[in-house]
N, C-alpha and C. Protein backbone atom coordinates (compact mmCIF):
# COMPACT_ATOMS: atom_id res chain seq x y z
N UNK A 1 -7.99 -22.46 11.62
CA UNK A 1 -7.17 -22.12 10.47
C UNK A 1 -6.98 -20.61 10.42
N UNK A 2 -5.72 -20.14 10.34
CA UNK A 2 -5.44 -18.72 10.33
C UNK A 2 -5.72 -18.08 8.98
N UNK A 3 -5.92 -16.78 9.01
CA UNK A 3 -6.15 -16.08 7.76
C UNK A 3 -4.83 -15.85 7.03
N UNK A 4 -4.91 -15.71 5.74
CA UNK A 4 -3.73 -15.48 4.92
C UNK A 4 -3.16 -14.09 5.23
N UNK A 5 -1.84 -13.96 5.35
CA UNK A 5 -1.26 -12.64 5.65
C UNK A 5 -1.57 -11.63 4.54
N UNK A 6 -1.68 -10.40 4.93
CA UNK A 6 -1.95 -9.32 3.99
C UNK A 6 -0.64 -8.65 3.61
N UNK A 7 -0.48 -8.39 2.33
CA UNK A 7 0.68 -7.67 1.83
C UNK A 7 0.18 -6.42 1.11
N UNK A 8 0.69 -5.27 1.52
CA UNK A 8 0.35 -4.02 0.86
C UNK A 8 1.54 -3.62 0.01
N UNK A 9 1.32 -3.60 -1.30
CA UNK A 9 2.37 -3.26 -2.26
C UNK A 9 2.23 -1.80 -2.66
N UNK A 10 3.33 -1.08 -2.62
CA UNK A 10 3.35 0.32 -3.02
C UNK A 10 4.31 0.44 -4.21
N UNK A 11 3.78 0.87 -5.34
CA UNK A 11 4.61 1.01 -6.53
C UNK A 11 5.67 2.09 -6.30
N UNK A 12 6.92 1.72 -6.57
CA UNK A 12 8.03 2.67 -6.44
C UNK A 12 8.70 2.92 -7.79
N UNK A 13 7.99 2.59 -8.86
CA UNK A 13 8.55 2.82 -10.19
C UNK A 13 8.57 4.32 -10.49
N UNK A 14 9.12 4.70 -11.60
CA UNK A 14 9.40 6.10 -11.91
C UNK A 14 8.24 7.06 -11.67
N UNK A 15 7.11 6.85 -12.32
CA UNK A 15 6.01 7.81 -12.23
C UNK A 15 5.46 7.90 -10.81
N UNK A 16 5.22 6.76 -10.19
CA UNK A 16 4.70 6.78 -8.82
C UNK A 16 5.71 7.40 -7.86
N UNK A 17 6.98 7.09 -8.06
CA UNK A 17 8.02 7.66 -7.20
C UNK A 17 8.03 9.18 -7.31
N UNK A 18 7.89 9.70 -8.53
CA UNK A 18 7.84 11.15 -8.73
C UNK A 18 6.61 11.76 -8.06
N UNK A 19 5.56 10.96 -7.89
CA UNK A 19 4.32 11.45 -7.29
C UNK A 19 4.26 11.20 -5.78
N UNK A 20 5.37 10.78 -5.18
CA UNK A 20 5.44 10.68 -3.72
C UNK A 20 5.31 9.29 -3.15
N UNK A 21 5.54 8.25 -3.94
CA UNK A 21 5.36 6.88 -3.45
C UNK A 21 6.29 6.51 -2.31
N UNK A 22 7.51 7.03 -2.30
CA UNK A 22 8.43 6.71 -1.20
C UNK A 22 7.89 7.23 0.13
N UNK A 23 7.28 8.39 0.10
CA UNK A 23 6.67 8.95 1.31
C UNK A 23 5.46 8.12 1.75
N UNK A 24 4.71 7.60 0.77
CA UNK A 24 3.56 6.73 1.09
C UNK A 24 4.05 5.45 1.77
N UNK A 25 5.08 4.82 1.21
CA UNK A 25 5.63 3.61 1.83
C UNK A 25 6.13 3.92 3.25
N UNK A 26 6.80 5.03 3.43
CA UNK A 26 7.29 5.41 4.76
C UNK A 26 6.12 5.59 5.73
N UNK A 27 5.02 6.16 5.27
CA UNK A 27 3.85 6.36 6.13
C UNK A 27 3.27 5.02 6.57
N UNK A 28 3.18 4.06 5.64
CA UNK A 28 2.70 2.73 6.02
C UNK A 28 3.62 2.10 7.06
N UNK A 29 4.90 2.22 6.85
CA UNK A 29 5.87 1.59 7.77
C UNK A 29 5.89 2.24 9.15
N UNK A 30 5.38 3.45 9.27
CA UNK A 30 5.33 4.13 10.56
C UNK A 30 4.11 3.71 11.39
N UNK A 31 3.17 3.01 10.77
CA UNK A 31 1.97 2.58 11.49
C UNK A 31 2.33 1.48 12.47
N UNK A 32 1.44 1.25 13.43
CA UNK A 32 1.64 0.14 14.36
C UNK A 32 1.82 -1.14 13.56
N UNK A 33 2.79 -1.94 13.94
CA UNK A 33 3.08 -3.18 13.24
C UNK A 33 2.03 -4.23 13.58
N UNK A 34 1.22 -4.59 12.62
CA UNK A 34 0.23 -5.64 12.81
C UNK A 34 0.84 -6.94 12.30
N UNK A 35 0.65 -8.02 13.04
CA UNK A 35 1.28 -9.30 12.72
C UNK A 35 0.97 -9.80 11.32
N UNK A 36 -0.21 -9.55 10.84
CA UNK A 36 -0.64 -10.14 9.57
C UNK A 36 -0.45 -9.23 8.36
N UNK A 37 0.19 -8.07 8.52
CA UNK A 37 0.33 -7.13 7.40
C UNK A 37 1.80 -6.79 7.18
N UNK A 38 2.21 -6.87 5.91
CA UNK A 38 3.54 -6.40 5.52
C UNK A 38 3.37 -5.29 4.49
N UNK A 39 4.34 -4.41 4.43
CA UNK A 39 4.34 -3.29 3.49
C UNK A 39 5.60 -3.41 2.65
N UNK A 40 5.43 -3.42 1.32
CA UNK A 40 6.58 -3.62 0.44
C UNK A 40 6.52 -2.67 -0.74
N UNK A 41 7.67 -2.12 -1.08
CA UNK A 41 7.78 -1.39 -2.33
C UNK A 41 7.89 -2.39 -3.47
N UNK A 42 7.39 -2.02 -4.63
CA UNK A 42 7.42 -2.94 -5.77
C UNK A 42 7.63 -2.15 -7.06
N UNK A 43 7.77 -2.89 -8.14
CA UNK A 43 7.88 -2.28 -9.47
C UNK A 43 6.52 -1.83 -9.96
N UNK A 44 6.47 -1.46 -11.20
CA UNK A 44 5.27 -0.89 -11.80
C UNK A 44 4.06 -1.80 -11.65
N UNK A 45 2.95 -1.22 -11.22
CA UNK A 45 1.69 -1.94 -11.10
C UNK A 45 0.78 -1.71 -12.31
N UNK A 46 1.29 -1.00 -13.31
CA UNK A 46 0.58 -0.86 -14.58
C UNK A 46 -0.51 0.19 -14.61
N UNK A 47 -0.48 1.14 -13.70
CA UNK A 47 -1.48 2.21 -13.71
C UNK A 47 -0.79 3.56 -13.65
N UNK A 48 0.26 3.72 -14.42
CA UNK A 48 1.00 4.97 -14.44
C UNK A 48 0.03 6.13 -14.72
N UNK A 49 0.24 7.22 -14.04
CA UNK A 49 -0.64 8.37 -14.20
C UNK A 49 -1.71 8.44 -13.12
N UNK A 50 -1.94 7.33 -12.41
CA UNK A 50 -2.91 7.32 -11.31
C UNK A 50 -2.21 7.17 -9.97
N UNK A 51 -0.91 7.29 -9.97
CA UNK A 51 -0.13 7.00 -8.77
C UNK A 51 -0.09 8.13 -7.78
N UNK A 52 0.48 7.80 -6.66
CA UNK A 52 1.03 6.52 -6.27
C UNK A 52 -0.03 5.43 -6.14
N UNK A 53 0.32 4.26 -6.66
CA UNK A 53 -0.59 3.11 -6.65
C UNK A 53 -0.27 2.20 -5.47
N UNK A 54 -1.34 1.65 -4.87
CA UNK A 54 -1.22 0.70 -3.78
C UNK A 54 -2.12 -0.49 -4.12
N UNK A 55 -1.59 -1.69 -3.93
CA UNK A 55 -2.33 -2.92 -4.23
C UNK A 55 -2.28 -3.82 -3.01
N UNK A 56 -3.44 -4.26 -2.54
CA UNK A 56 -3.54 -5.08 -1.34
C UNK A 56 -3.80 -6.53 -1.74
N UNK A 57 -2.94 -7.42 -1.26
CA UNK A 57 -3.09 -8.85 -1.50
C UNK A 57 -3.33 -9.56 -0.18
N UNK A 58 -4.09 -10.60 -0.10
CA UNK A 58 -4.69 -11.36 -1.18
C UNK A 58 -6.05 -10.82 -1.64
N UNK A 59 -6.53 -9.73 -1.02
CA UNK A 59 -7.87 -9.21 -1.35
C UNK A 59 -7.97 -8.62 -2.75
N UNK A 60 -6.83 -8.29 -3.36
CA UNK A 60 -6.78 -7.70 -4.70
C UNK A 60 -7.55 -6.37 -4.75
N UNK A 61 -7.29 -5.52 -3.77
CA UNK A 61 -7.91 -4.20 -3.70
C UNK A 61 -6.90 -3.17 -4.18
N UNK A 62 -7.35 -2.29 -5.09
CA UNK A 62 -6.51 -1.23 -5.63
C UNK A 62 -6.84 0.09 -4.97
N UNK A 63 -5.81 0.88 -4.71
CA UNK A 63 -5.97 2.27 -4.29
C UNK A 63 -5.10 3.11 -5.20
N UNK A 64 -5.60 4.26 -5.62
CA UNK A 64 -4.83 5.11 -6.51
C UNK A 64 -4.75 6.52 -5.95
N UNK A 65 -3.73 7.24 -6.41
CA UNK A 65 -3.45 8.61 -5.94
C UNK A 65 -3.37 8.66 -4.41
N UNK A 66 -2.69 7.66 -3.85
CA UNK A 66 -2.58 7.55 -2.40
C UNK A 66 -1.58 8.59 -1.89
N UNK A 67 -1.96 9.23 -0.80
CA UNK A 67 -1.10 10.19 -0.12
C UNK A 67 -0.66 9.60 1.21
N UNK A 68 0.43 10.07 1.79
CA UNK A 68 0.88 9.51 3.07
C UNK A 68 -0.21 9.51 4.13
N UNK A 69 -1.02 10.54 4.17
CA UNK A 69 -2.07 10.62 5.19
C UNK A 69 -3.20 9.62 4.97
N UNK A 70 -3.20 8.91 3.83
CA UNK A 70 -4.21 7.88 3.56
C UNK A 70 -3.85 6.52 4.15
N UNK A 71 -2.61 6.33 4.53
CA UNK A 71 -2.12 5.01 4.94
C UNK A 71 -2.94 4.41 6.07
N UNK A 72 -3.17 5.14 7.12
CA UNK A 72 -3.91 4.60 8.27
C UNK A 72 -5.33 4.22 7.89
N UNK A 73 -5.99 5.03 7.06
CA UNK A 73 -7.35 4.70 6.65
C UNK A 73 -7.41 3.44 5.79
N UNK A 74 -6.40 3.24 4.96
CA UNK A 74 -6.36 2.03 4.12
C UNK A 74 -6.22 0.80 5.01
N UNK A 75 -5.30 0.84 5.97
CA UNK A 75 -5.12 -0.29 6.87
C UNK A 75 -6.39 -0.56 7.67
N UNK A 76 -7.02 0.48 8.17
CA UNK A 76 -8.27 0.32 8.91
C UNK A 76 -9.35 -0.34 8.05
N UNK A 77 -9.39 0.02 6.78
CA UNK A 77 -10.41 -0.52 5.87
C UNK A 77 -10.20 -1.99 5.57
N UNK A 78 -8.96 -2.47 5.62
CA UNK A 78 -8.71 -3.86 5.23
C UNK A 78 -8.57 -4.83 6.39
N UNK A 79 -8.39 -4.29 7.61
CA UNK A 79 -8.24 -5.17 8.77
C UNK A 79 -9.61 -5.69 9.18
N UNK A 80 -9.75 -7.02 9.24
CA UNK A 80 -11.05 -7.58 9.65
C UNK A 80 -11.39 -7.20 11.10
N UNK A 81 -12.66 -6.95 11.32
CA UNK A 81 -13.09 -6.58 12.67
C UNK A 81 -13.49 -7.78 13.47
């Protein structure tokens, strides 16, 4: 039985966008494409002021104040070994 695909959501709503969320999404999309991971921009994740916010599903892991240079470390942390 295969594992459930991972989706990394990056808030692109007003506050997060002003704090660089589009650049964070671009950084995720520049990483090596792993079969089980997708990267998607989304609406508000409800943590305005802590952005850019990133939410990993199905693990339900939150990351806040994410910078583009954090993208690779986040993926490394969530990929099973």
